[in-house]
Amino acid sequence: MRLHELLGLSDLKLHQVVAPEHFDPVIRWVVTTDMLDPSRYLTGGELVLTGLVWHTGPEDSYAFVSSVAKAGVAAVAASEGGLVPDDLVAACREHGLPLFRVPADVAFATVTEVVVRQLSTARTSDLKAVLDRHQRLVESTGPGGIGPLLDLVGTELGMECWVSTASGNVLAGPEGLSDPAFLAREFLIARRLPHYVEEYGISLLPVDSDSAARVVDWFVAVRSDWQTWHPERLALAEQLSSIVAVERARSDDRLTGSGILAQEFVRAVSEGASASDIAQQMYVIGLPVESRYIAIAAAVSEDVLRLGEVRQLVRETYASPMSAVGITDGEVIAIVPADEDLTPAIERAVGALSPGLTGTGLSIGVSSLVASRDIRSAVEEAKHARQLAARRNDDRYVVGHEELATLVLLLAGVPDDVRRMFRSRLLTPLADYDDVHKSDLIATLSAFLDTNGSWTKCADQMHLHVNSVRYRIQRIEELTGRDLSRLEDRVEFYLALRLS
């Protein structure tokens, strides 16, 4: 704030004794002192309040004014029972230093509070203008990164800020954020936002609560209690969140060139593309053919999450920067380069998000580790695992390939006669029909399950008309008494085919 604005604070009733000549200094802060030479504690631009305890005569006034003028203060406000010595006035005039008299009935604490509030409001207004420019820049020219923006807020307003995902992945901010996983959980379970976490003195603000489910939203963590903020600071924090929301929107790559290519690759794999076509597309999108891969399938049974949000959630569950993620037939499919089984890591990531997953009907399946030539089989394995996850009635959302294989092993571990009876009950009617009519019911059943019950994909894979596939599936259901629209029956057929 400028010096002339100090006189406009009528509540303080300050009387200007020495006015500046031809300049209007900036007041940066307020300091109260009773030292004769406080210069070592001054950095320039301060309004210095003094009760004149140091004053014993004219020589003290000269020494005091000389020291504060040399330090570059903006002005002095003094009072000794509402009076100011003439020698102090003379010293200030000699050094060209503005001087105010504080009335006896106005406490220095009141002066400090009022001036600091004005300074804070002014700095907030200045910073808001900077943020306005930054937001226009972000929206018009592309992402500039939110790290420098958080540094600016921290420097100007003394508010340490971080940006984190709902899973606890800190995206930007200074070192030293306490327990990001705990803060992320607090964000997910808070009844309303903003939310103050008293244990760490941190407020949590949503980034995009109007258009994103909380479990896939980001949040801004601020080391301050938002309940104590004045309206200007709260408005500033909300604007900061809106700028971060722009950056969050930019992180969705579905409409970028790479995102579109990944979508096409996932669709091609799911629809049974040949190994050579898969290898060619992998080269185009930058997935190394020599790497090993796992596949992830995910879906929801409720409308709480959109598939685009499920896609974001899936990308949060693994750390690989290279992957192909797409949406096909109501499922999100991710194909991820990996050196080891990712099921435990995915289970941990989903577990961290579990407070925000209630009522979503989320189900996730994870395949085993395969060579690139077997990506298609990995996708099918992940789909089967996801279907088993969807059948659960507990709060476990993930089924890994080992658990899927355990069902086969479990059935394989029963006595041979029981295994034969299980296979025979399901497949013998089909095998007998194939022998008599020279048909391919068992092959059609296998292709139908491999294509996740898609009539069109099964027809393409079998080189048949869709109506022929429908006829064969109808015949399978008639011969076995099963309904292939039911997951339970599909799983039993899947197991029988695996054991045959």
Protein backbone atom coordinates (compact mmCIF):
# COMPACT_ATOMS: atom_id res chain seq x y z
CA MET A 1 0.00 0.00 0.00
CA ARG A 2 1.08 3.58 -0.58
CA LEU A 3 1.75 6.06 2.22
CA HIS A 4 -1.18 8.29 1.29
CA GLU A 5 -3.53 5.32 1.78
CA LEU A 6 -2.49 5.27 5.45
CA LEU A 7 -4.21 8.60 5.96
CA GLY A 8 -7.37 7.12 4.48
CA LEU A 9 -7.66 4.64 7.36
CA SER A 10 -9.93 6.88 9.41
CA ASP A 11 -10.26 4.40 12.27
CA LEU A 12 -6.59 4.96 13.16
CA LYS A 13 -6.89 8.78 13.37
CA LEU A 14 -3.20 9.18 12.46
CA HIS A 15 -1.89 12.73 12.23
CA GLN A 16 0.79 13.41 9.64
CA VAL A 17 3.52 15.55 11.27
CA VAL A 18 6.17 15.32 8.53
CA ALA A 19 4.90 14.80 4.98
CA PRO A 20 7.08 13.38 2.18
CA GLU A 21 8.14 15.78 -0.55
CA HIS A 22 7.25 14.79 -4.12
CA PHE A 23 7.08 11.02 -3.46
CA ASP A 24 4.64 8.47 -2.10
CA PRO A 25 6.60 5.57 -0.59
CA VAL A 26 5.30 2.00 -0.55
CA ILE A 27 4.57 0.42 2.84
CA ARG A 28 5.54 -3.26 2.71
CA TRP A 29 5.10 -4.27 6.38
CA VAL A 30 4.67 -3.00 9.95
CA VAL A 31 7.32 -3.25 12.67
CA THR A 32 7.05 -2.15 16.32
CA THR A 33 10.30 -1.34 18.13
CA ASP A 34 11.65 0.37 21.26
CA MET A 35 15.30 -0.01 20.23
CA LEU A 36 17.45 3.05 19.60
CA ASP A 37 19.01 1.36 16.54
CA PRO A 38 16.68 -1.30 15.07
CA SER A 39 18.29 -1.21 11.61
CA ARG A 40 19.60 -4.80 11.79
CA TYR A 41 15.98 -6.02 11.89
CA LEU A 42 14.74 -3.87 9.01
CA THR A 43 14.80 -4.68 5.31
CA GLY A 44 13.17 -1.58 3.84
CA GLY A 45 9.62 -0.43 3.22
CA GLU A 46 8.41 -0.83 6.81
CA LEU A 47 6.08 1.43 8.77
CA VAL A 48 7.98 1.66 12.06
CA LEU A 49 5.87 2.08 15.23
CA THR A 50 7.71 3.29 18.31
CA GLY A 51 6.62 4.24 21.82
CA LEU A 52 9.80 6.37 22.30
CA VAL A 53 11.12 4.32 25.22
CA TRP A 54 14.59 4.96 23.81
CA HIS A 55 14.15 8.77 23.86
CA THR A 56 16.10 10.77 26.44
CA GLY A 57 17.01 13.81 24.37
CA PRO A 58 17.63 15.33 20.92
CA GLU A 59 20.72 13.19 20.28
CA ASP A 60 18.61 10.03 20.62
CA SER A 61 16.08 11.29 18.09
CA TYR A 62 18.84 11.97 15.59
CA ALA A 63 20.43 8.54 16.14
CA PHE A 64 17.09 6.72 15.82
CA VAL A 65 15.95 8.53 12.69
CA SER A 66 19.38 8.17 11.10
CA SER A 67 19.36 4.37 11.62
CA VAL A 68 15.82 3.76 10.29
CA ALA A 69 16.27 6.15 7.35
CA LYS A 70 19.46 4.32 6.37
CA ALA A 71 17.50 1.02 6.48
CA GLY A 72 15.04 2.44 3.94
CA VAL A 73 11.84 2.42 5.98
CA ALA A 74 8.73 4.01 4.49
CA ALA A 75 7.66 6.05 7.53
CA VAL A 76 7.69 6.34 11.32
CA ALA A 77 4.59 6.50 13.54
CA ALA A 78 5.35 7.55 17.11
CA SER A 79 3.54 8.37 20.33
CA GLU A 80 4.37 9.01 23.92
CA GLY A 81 0.99 9.53 25.52
CA GLY A 82 -0.22 11.02 22.26
CA LEU A 83 2.74 13.44 22.00
CA VAL A 84 5.79 13.55 19.68
CA PRO A 85 9.00 15.39 20.76
CA ASP A 86 9.99 18.40 18.67
CA ASP A 87 13.52 17.04 18.21
CA LEU A 88 12.12 13.86 16.61
CA VAL A 89 10.10 16.00 14.21
CA ALA A 90 13.24 18.00 13.36
CA ALA A 91 15.30 14.85 12.78
CA CYS A 92 12.66 13.41 10.44
CA ARG A 93 12.48 16.61 8.45
CA GLU A 94 16.25 16.67 8.10
CA HIS A 95 16.28 13.10 6.74
CA GLY A 96 13.13 13.56 4.63
CA LEU A 97 11.42 10.73 6.55
CA PRO A 98 7.58 10.82 6.85
CA LEU A 99 6.37 10.96 10.47
CA PHE A 100 2.93 10.26 11.96
CA ARG A 101 1.60 10.84 15.46
CA VAL A 102 -0.52 8.03 16.92
CA PRO A 103 -3.29 9.25 19.25
CA ALA A 104 -3.07 8.13 22.85
CA ASP A 105 -6.33 6.18 22.58
CA VAL A 106 -5.14 4.07 19.61
CA ALA A 107 -3.04 1.02 20.45
CA PHE A 108 -0.08 0.04 18.30
CA ALA A 109 -1.66 -3.42 18.04
CA THR A 110 -4.69 -1.82 16.39
CA VAL A 111 -2.49 0.06 13.91
CA THR A 112 -0.64 -3.16 13.10
CA GLU A 113 -3.83 -5.19 12.62
CA VAL A 114 -5.49 -2.63 10.35
CA VAL A 115 -2.41 -2.02 8.20
CA VAL A 116 -1.56 -5.72 7.86
CA ARG A 117 -5.13 -6.45 6.80
CA GLN A 118 -4.89 -3.75 4.16
CA LEU A 119 -1.55 -5.11 2.99
CA SER A 120 -2.93 -8.64 2.79
CA THR A 121 -5.95 -7.49 0.78
CA ALA A 122 -3.76 -5.50 -1.58
CA ARG A 123 -1.36 -8.39 -2.08
CA THR A 124 -4.25 -10.75 -2.66
CA SER A 125 -5.63 -8.37 -5.28
CA ASP A 126 -2.24 -8.11 -6.96
CA LEU A 127 -1.81 -11.88 -6.95
CA LYS A 128 -5.35 -12.37 -8.24
CA ALA A 129 -4.43 -10.24 -11.22
CA VAL A 130 -1.37 -12.45 -11.79
CA LEU A 131 -3.56 -15.55 -11.56
CA ASP A 132 -6.04 -14.04 -14.01
CA ARG A 133 -3.23 -13.58 -16.50
CA HIS A 134 -1.97 -17.09 -15.83
CA GLN A 135 -5.41 -18.59 -16.36
CA ARG A 136 -5.81 -16.79 -19.68
CA LEU A 137 -2.36 -18.02 -20.68
CA VAL A 138 -3.15 -21.61 -19.71
CA GLU A 139 -6.45 -21.58 -21.56
CA SER A 140 -5.12 -19.99 -24.71
CA THR A 141 -1.57 -21.19 -25.26
CA GLY A 142 -1.31 -24.59 -23.56
CA PRO A 143 -0.16 -25.96 -20.21
CA GLY A 144 2.57 -24.04 -18.43
CA GLY A 145 2.82 -26.27 -15.40
CA ILE A 146 1.30 -25.69 -12.00
CA GLY A 147 4.52 -25.91 -9.99
CA PRO A 148 5.56 -22.27 -10.58
CA LEU A 149 2.03 -21.13 -9.83
CA LEU A 150 2.09 -22.87 -6.44
CA ASP A 151 5.48 -21.31 -5.74
CA LEU A 152 4.01 -17.88 -6.48
CA VAL A 153 1.09 -18.40 -4.10
CA GLY A 154 3.43 -19.71 -1.41
CA THR A 155 5.82 -16.78 -1.73
CA GLU A 156 3.29 -14.00 -1.95
CA LEU A 157 0.76 -15.16 0.62
CA GLY A 158 2.79 -17.44 2.85
CA MET A 159 0.56 -20.40 1.94
CA GLU A 160 2.36 -23.65 1.15
CA CYS A 161 0.32 -25.42 -1.52
CA TRP A 162 0.36 -28.85 -3.14
CA VAL A 163 -1.70 -30.56 -5.82
CA SER A 164 -2.49 -34.25 -5.40
CA THR A 165 -4.67 -36.93 -6.95
CA ALA A 166 -7.32 -38.71 -4.90
CA SER A 167 -4.98 -41.70 -4.68
CA GLY A 168 -2.29 -39.64 -2.91
CA ASN A 169 0.00 -39.05 -5.88
CA VAL A 170 1.49 -35.57 -5.31
CA LEU A 171 1.69 -33.81 -8.68
CA ALA A 172 3.20 -30.46 -7.66
CA GLY A 173 4.33 -28.47 -4.65
CA PRO A 174 7.33 -28.14 -2.33
CA GLU A 175 9.03 -31.02 -0.56
CA GLY A 176 7.72 -32.07 2.82
CA LEU A 177 3.99 -32.69 2.46
CA SER A 178 3.01 -34.75 5.50
CA ASP A 179 1.43 -38.17 4.83
CA PRO A 180 -0.08 -37.68 1.34
CA ALA A 181 -1.93 -41.01 1.58
CA PHE A 182 -3.69 -39.91 4.79
CA LEU A 183 -4.63 -36.55 3.25
CA ALA A 184 -5.99 -38.30 0.16
CA ARG A 185 -8.18 -40.50 2.34
CA GLU A 186 -9.41 -37.43 4.24
CA PHE A 187 -10.28 -35.86 0.89
CA LEU A 188 -12.27 -38.95 -0.13
CA ILE A 189 -14.24 -39.32 3.10
CA ALA A 190 -14.88 -35.64 3.90
CA ARG A 191 -18.60 -34.91 4.17
CA ARG A 192 -18.11 -31.53 2.57
CA LEU A 193 -15.31 -29.59 0.94
CA PRO A 194 -13.21 -27.57 1.63
CA HIS A 195 -12.11 -29.75 4.54
CA TYR A 196 -9.62 -28.85 7.29
CA VAL A 197 -7.32 -31.64 8.52
CA GLU A 198 -6.50 -30.48 12.02
CA GLU A 199 -3.77 -33.08 12.61
CA TYR A 200 -1.57 -31.50 9.95
CA GLY A 201 -3.00 -27.96 9.80
CA ILE A 202 -3.89 -28.43 6.13
CA SER A 203 -7.02 -27.51 4.18
CA LEU A 204 -8.17 -29.64 1.24
CA LEU A 205 -9.95 -27.99 -1.70
CA PRO A 206 -11.43 -29.89 -4.66
CA VAL A 207 -10.19 -28.99 -8.11
CA ASP A 208 -13.14 -29.95 -10.32
CA SER A 209 -15.99 -31.05 -8.06
CA ASP A 210 -18.69 -29.77 -10.44
CA SER A 211 -17.83 -32.15 -13.28
CA ALA A 212 -15.69 -34.96 -11.83
CA ALA A 213 -16.41 -37.71 -9.33
CA ARG A 214 -14.33 -37.18 -6.20
CA VAL A 215 -12.49 -40.50 -6.61
CA VAL A 216 -10.91 -39.26 -9.86
CA ASP A 217 -10.64 -35.57 -8.96
CA TRP A 218 -7.48 -33.74 -7.88
CA PHE A 219 -7.28 -31.57 -4.78
CA VAL A 220 -5.25 -28.59 -3.59
CA ALA A 221 -3.72 -28.96 -0.12
CA VAL A 222 -2.97 -25.65 1.63
CA ARG A 223 -1.07 -25.36 4.92
CA SER A 224 -3.63 -23.06 6.52
CA ASP A 225 -7.12 -23.26 8.03
CA TRP A 226 -9.52 -22.16 5.29
CA GLN A 227 -12.14 -21.33 7.96
CA THR A 228 -10.02 -18.35 9.06
CA TRP A 229 -9.56 -16.88 5.59
CA HIS A 230 -11.05 -13.56 4.65
CA PRO A 231 -13.24 -13.52 1.50
CA GLU A 232 -10.43 -12.29 -0.76
CA ARG A 233 -8.13 -15.17 0.20
CA LEU A 234 -10.91 -17.73 -0.17
CA ALA A 235 -11.71 -16.37 -3.63
CA LEU A 236 -8.03 -16.59 -4.51
CA ALA A 237 -7.85 -20.23 -3.40
CA GLU A 238 -10.94 -21.04 -5.46
CA GLN A 239 -9.40 -19.41 -8.50
CA LEU A 240 -6.20 -21.37 -7.95
CA SER A 241 -8.30 -24.54 -7.95
CA SER A 242 -9.98 -23.51 -11.20
CA ILE A 243 -6.59 -23.01 -12.86
CA VAL A 244 -5.45 -26.42 -11.69
CA ALA A 245 -8.71 -27.81 -13.10
CA VAL A 246 -7.62 -26.59 -16.53
CA GLU A 247 -4.37 -28.50 -16.12
CA ARG A 248 -6.32 -31.56 -14.98
CA ALA A 249 -8.48 -31.41 -18.08
CA ARG A 250 -5.35 -31.30 -20.20
CA SER A 251 -4.13 -34.55 -18.62
CA ASP A 252 -7.02 -36.40 -20.31
CA ASP A 253 -5.38 -37.63 -23.51
CA ARG A 254 -8.42 -39.23 -25.13
CA LEU A 255 -8.62 -36.59 -27.86
CA THR A 256 -4.88 -36.31 -28.48
CA GLY A 257 -3.17 -38.11 -31.33
CA SER A 258 -1.59 -40.65 -28.99
CA GLY A 259 -4.87 -41.23 -27.16
CA ILE A 260 -6.76 -41.86 -30.41
CA LEU A 261 -4.09 -44.29 -31.63
CA ALA A 262 -4.20 -46.12 -28.29
CA GLN A 263 -8.00 -46.39 -28.56
CA GLU A 264 -7.72 -47.86 -32.05
CA PHE A 265 -5.04 -50.31 -30.91
CA VAL A 266 -7.14 -51.56 -28.00
CA ARG A 267 -10.16 -51.95 -30.25
CA ALA A 268 -8.13 -53.88 -32.81
CA VAL A 269 -6.74 -56.24 -30.17
CA SER A 270 -10.19 -56.82 -28.68
CA GLU A 271 -11.66 -57.57 -32.09
CA GLY A 272 -9.08 -60.25 -32.88
CA ALA A 273 -6.47 -58.47 -35.01
CA SER A 274 -3.70 -60.68 -36.32
CA ALA A 275 -0.31 -60.86 -34.60
CA SER A 276 1.32 -58.97 -37.49
CA ASP A 277 -1.29 -56.18 -37.35
CA ILE A 278 -0.83 -55.90 -33.58
CA ALA A 279 2.96 -55.66 -33.96
CA GLN A 280 2.59 -52.97 -36.62
CA GLN A 281 0.27 -50.87 -34.47
CA MET A 282 2.55 -51.29 -31.47
CA TYR A 283 5.39 -49.82 -33.54
CA VAL A 284 3.22 -46.84 -34.54
CA ILE A 285 2.21 -45.97 -30.96
CA GLY A 286 5.67 -46.64 -29.52
CA LEU A 287 5.08 -49.84 -27.54
CA PRO A 288 8.20 -52.05 -27.72
CA VAL A 289 7.48 -55.44 -29.25
CA GLU A 290 10.25 -57.07 -27.23
CA SER A 291 8.67 -56.10 -23.88
CA ARG A 292 6.28 -58.19 -21.84
CA TYR A 293 2.79 -56.95 -21.06
CA ILE A 294 -0.16 -57.27 -18.73
CA ALA A 295 -3.75 -56.38 -19.58
CA ILE A 296 -6.25 -54.69 -17.26
CA ALA A 297 -10.01 -54.74 -17.79
CA ALA A 298 -12.33 -52.49 -15.75
CA ALA A 299 -16.00 -51.57 -15.73
CA VAL A 300 -18.74 -50.28 -13.42
CA SER A 301 -22.27 -51.52 -12.88
CA GLU A 302 -23.70 -48.18 -11.72
CA ASP A 303 -23.86 -44.69 -13.23
CA VAL A 304 -21.84 -43.13 -10.41
CA LEU A 305 -18.73 -43.20 -12.62
CA ARG A 306 -18.58 -42.61 -16.36
CA LEU A 307 -16.35 -44.87 -18.45
CA GLY A 308 -14.06 -41.92 -19.13
CA GLU A 309 -13.59 -41.58 -15.38
CA VAL A 310 -13.00 -45.32 -15.04
CA ARG A 311 -10.29 -44.87 -17.67
CA GLN A 312 -8.67 -42.17 -15.53
CA LEU A 313 -8.96 -44.38 -12.47
CA VAL A 314 -7.29 -47.32 -14.23
CA ARG A 315 -4.36 -45.11 -15.26
CA GLU A 316 -3.90 -44.19 -11.59
CA THR A 317 -3.40 -47.85 -10.63
CA TYR A 318 -0.07 -48.43 -12.38
CA ALA A 319 3.12 -46.41 -12.66
CA SER A 320 4.20 -47.19 -16.23
CA PRO A 321 4.42 -44.03 -18.37
CA MET A 322 3.93 -46.13 -21.52
CA SER A 323 0.63 -47.88 -22.05
CA ALA A 324 -2.36 -48.08 -24.35
CA VAL A 325 -5.76 -47.44 -22.77
CA GLY A 326 -9.08 -47.59 -24.56
CA ILE A 327 -12.79 -48.20 -24.11
CA THR A 328 -14.56 -51.02 -25.93
CA ASP A 329 -17.88 -52.78 -25.34
CA GLY A 330 -18.50 -51.04 -22.04
CA GLU A 331 -15.08 -51.92 -20.62
CA VAL A 332 -11.87 -50.00 -20.14
CA ILE A 333 -8.89 -51.99 -21.40
CA ALA A 334 -5.29 -51.07 -20.57
CA ILE A 335 -2.27 -52.79 -22.13
CA VAL A 336 0.76 -52.03 -20.00
CA PRO A 337 4.47 -52.92 -20.40
CA ALA A 338 5.66 -54.65 -17.23
CA ASP A 339 8.53 -56.68 -15.82
CA GLU A 340 6.50 -58.28 -13.05
CA ASP A 341 2.97 -59.08 -11.96
CA LEU A 342 1.16 -55.77 -11.33
CA THR A 343 -1.80 -57.27 -9.47
CA PRO A 344 -0.49 -56.41 -5.95
CA ALA A 345 0.27 -52.81 -6.95
CA ILE A 346 -3.15 -52.42 -8.56
CA GLU A 347 -4.84 -53.88 -5.48
CA ARG A 348 -2.99 -51.37 -3.27
CA ALA A 349 -3.89 -48.45 -5.52
CA VAL A 350 -7.55 -49.44 -5.67
CA GLY A 351 -7.52 -50.02 -1.91
CA ALA A 352 -6.34 -46.44 -1.38
CA LEU A 353 -9.28 -45.23 -3.46
CA SER A 354 -11.81 -47.58 -1.86
CA PRO A 355 -13.46 -44.88 0.34
CA GLY A 356 -14.62 -43.23 -2.87
CA LEU A 357 -15.67 -46.40 -4.68
CA THR A 358 -18.70 -47.38 -2.61
CA GLY A 359 -21.75 -47.82 -4.81
CA THR A 360 -19.85 -47.70 -8.10
CA GLY A 361 -19.95 -51.43 -8.83
CA LEU A 362 -16.32 -51.23 -9.96
CA SER A 363 -14.73 -54.49 -11.10
CA ILE A 364 -11.16 -54.93 -12.32
CA GLY A 365 -9.42 -57.93 -13.84
CA VAL A 366 -5.66 -58.30 -14.29
CA SER A 367 -3.99 -60.74 -16.67
CA SER A 368 -0.77 -62.67 -16.31
CA LEU A 369 2.49 -61.39 -17.81
CA VAL A 370 2.76 -62.28 -21.51
CA ALA A 371 4.93 -61.69 -24.55
CA SER A 372 3.66 -59.11 -27.04
CA ARG A 373 2.47 -61.86 -29.41
CA ASP A 374 0.04 -63.02 -26.71
CA ILE A 375 -1.51 -59.62 -25.91
CA ARG A 376 -4.88 -60.67 -27.23
CA SER A 377 -5.04 -63.68 -24.92
CA ALA A 378 -4.00 -61.42 -22.03
CA VAL A 379 -6.92 -59.09 -22.80
CA GLU A 380 -9.34 -62.02 -22.80
CA GLU A 381 -7.90 -63.28 -19.51
CA ALA A 382 -8.32 -59.83 -17.97
CA LYS A 383 -11.94 -59.71 -19.16
CA HIS A 384 -12.71 -63.09 -17.60
CA ALA A 385 -11.06 -62.00 -14.35
CA ARG A 386 -13.12 -58.80 -14.36
CA GLN A 387 -16.33 -60.74 -14.81
CA LEU A 388 -15.46 -62.82 -11.75
CA ALA A 389 -14.70 -59.62 -9.81
CA ALA A 390 -18.15 -58.31 -10.76
CA ARG A 391 -19.78 -61.37 -9.15
CA ARG A 392 -18.29 -60.70 -5.73
CA ASN A 393 -20.42 -59.39 -2.93
CA ASP A 394 -17.56 -57.96 -0.86
CA ASP A 395 -15.47 -54.79 -1.11
CA ARG A 396 -12.64 -56.40 -3.09
CA TYR A 397 -12.66 -54.90 -6.54
CA VAL A 398 -9.74 -56.71 -8.20
CA VAL A 399 -9.32 -60.28 -9.47
CA GLY A 400 -5.83 -61.21 -10.66
CA HIS A 401 -4.79 -63.95 -13.04
CA GLU A 402 -3.65 -66.17 -10.19
CA GLU A 403 -7.10 -66.13 -8.64
CA LEU A 404 -8.61 -66.91 -12.04
CA ALA A 405 -6.19 -69.78 -12.50
CA THR A 406 -6.99 -70.97 -8.98
CA LEU A 407 -10.56 -71.74 -10.10
CA VAL A 408 -9.21 -73.99 -12.84
CA LEU A 409 -6.75 -75.60 -10.46
CA LEU A 410 -9.48 -76.03 -7.88
CA LEU A 411 -11.60 -77.92 -10.36
CA ALA A 412 -8.59 -79.83 -11.63
CA GLY A 413 -7.80 -80.92 -8.10
CA VAL A 414 -11.04 -82.83 -7.57
CA PRO A 415 -11.22 -86.59 -8.34
CA ASP A 416 -10.93 -87.58 -11.99
CA ASP A 417 -14.42 -89.01 -12.15
CA VAL A 418 -15.90 -85.73 -10.89
CA ARG A 419 -13.85 -83.79 -13.44
CA ARG A 420 -14.99 -86.08 -16.24
CA MET A 421 -18.58 -85.69 -15.11
CA PHE A 422 -18.25 -81.89 -15.06
CA ARG A 423 -16.81 -81.79 -18.58
CA SER A 424 -19.23 -84.38 -19.88
CA ARG A 425 -22.30 -82.65 -18.49
CA LEU A 426 -21.40 -79.44 -20.31
CA LEU A 427 -19.50 -80.46 -23.43
CA THR A 428 -20.55 -84.01 -24.38
CA PRO A 429 -23.92 -82.92 -25.85
CA LEU A 430 -22.04 -80.44 -28.00
CA ALA A 431 -19.34 -82.92 -29.03
CA ASP A 432 -21.94 -85.51 -29.99
CA TYR A 433 -23.86 -82.95 -32.02
CA ASP A 434 -20.64 -81.91 -33.79
CA ASP A 435 -19.84 -85.56 -34.64
CA VAL A 436 -23.26 -86.20 -36.15
CA HIS A 437 -23.80 -82.90 -37.95
CA LYS A 438 -20.17 -82.01 -38.73
CA SER A 439 -20.74 -78.66 -37.03
CA ASP A 440 -18.46 -76.51 -34.87
CA LEU A 441 -20.50 -75.83 -31.78
CA ILE A 442 -17.57 -76.24 -29.37
CA ALA A 443 -15.33 -74.03 -31.52
CA THR A 444 -18.09 -71.45 -31.75
CA LEU A 445 -18.60 -71.57 -27.98
CA SER A 446 -14.88 -71.00 -27.40
CA ALA A 447 -14.79 -68.06 -29.84
CA PHE A 448 -17.95 -66.60 -28.31
CA LEU A 449 -16.39 -66.64 -24.83
CA ASP A 450 -13.05 -65.31 -26.15
CA THR A 451 -14.84 -62.33 -27.69
CA ASN A 452 -16.67 -61.62 -24.45
CA GLY A 453 -20.06 -62.59 -25.89
CA SER A 454 -19.88 -60.29 -28.91
CA TRP A 455 -21.96 -61.64 -31.81
CA THR A 456 -20.17 -59.53 -34.39
CA LYS A 457 -16.64 -60.28 -33.21
CA CYS A 458 -17.38 -63.97 -32.87
CA ALA A 459 -18.79 -64.00 -36.41
CA ASP A 460 -15.70 -62.26 -37.76
CA GLN A 461 -13.38 -64.64 -35.95
CA MET A 462 -15.30 -67.70 -37.20
CA HIS A 463 -15.80 -66.20 -40.69
CA LEU A 464 -19.56 -66.63 -40.32
CA HIS A 465 -22.64 -64.49 -40.72
CA VAL A 466 -23.94 -63.08 -37.43
CA ASN A 467 -27.18 -65.00 -37.83
CA SER A 468 -25.20 -68.25 -38.08
CA VAL A 469 -23.52 -67.47 -34.77
CA ARG A 470 -26.87 -66.73 -33.18
CA TYR A 471 -28.26 -70.01 -34.44
CA ARG A 472 -25.27 -71.97 -33.08
CA ILE A 473 -25.43 -70.29 -29.65
CA GLN A 474 -29.15 -70.97 -29.50
CA ARG A 475 -28.45 -74.65 -30.33
CA ILE A 476 -25.76 -74.78 -27.59
CA GLU A 477 -28.23 -73.43 -25.04
CA GLU A 478 -30.89 -75.92 -26.14
CA LEU A 479 -28.52 -78.89 -25.93
CA THR A 480 -27.06 -77.97 -22.52
CA GLY A 481 -29.96 -76.20 -20.83
CA ARG A 482 -27.68 -73.23 -20.11
CA ASP A 483 -28.11 -69.50 -20.79
CA LEU A 484 -25.00 -67.87 -22.21
CA SER A 485 -26.25 -64.42 -21.24
CA ARG A 486 -25.65 -65.42 -17.58
CA LEU A 487 -22.12 -64.95 -16.22
CA GLU A 488 -22.35 -68.12 -14.10
CA ASP A 489 -22.99 -70.29 -17.15
CA ARG A 490 -20.25 -68.58 -19.15
CA VAL A 491 -17.74 -69.20 -16.36
CA GLU A 492 -18.64 -72.90 -16.14
CA PHE A 493 -18.26 -73.32 -19.90
CA TYR A 494 -14.93 -71.44 -19.68
CA LEU A 495 -13.68 -73.84 -17.00
CA ALA A 496 -14.88 -76.90 -18.89
CA LEU A 497 -13.07 -75.77 -22.04
CA ARG A 498 -9.89 -75.13 -20.03
CA LEU A 499 -10.00 -78.66 -18.61
CA SER A 500 -10.80 -80.41 -21.86
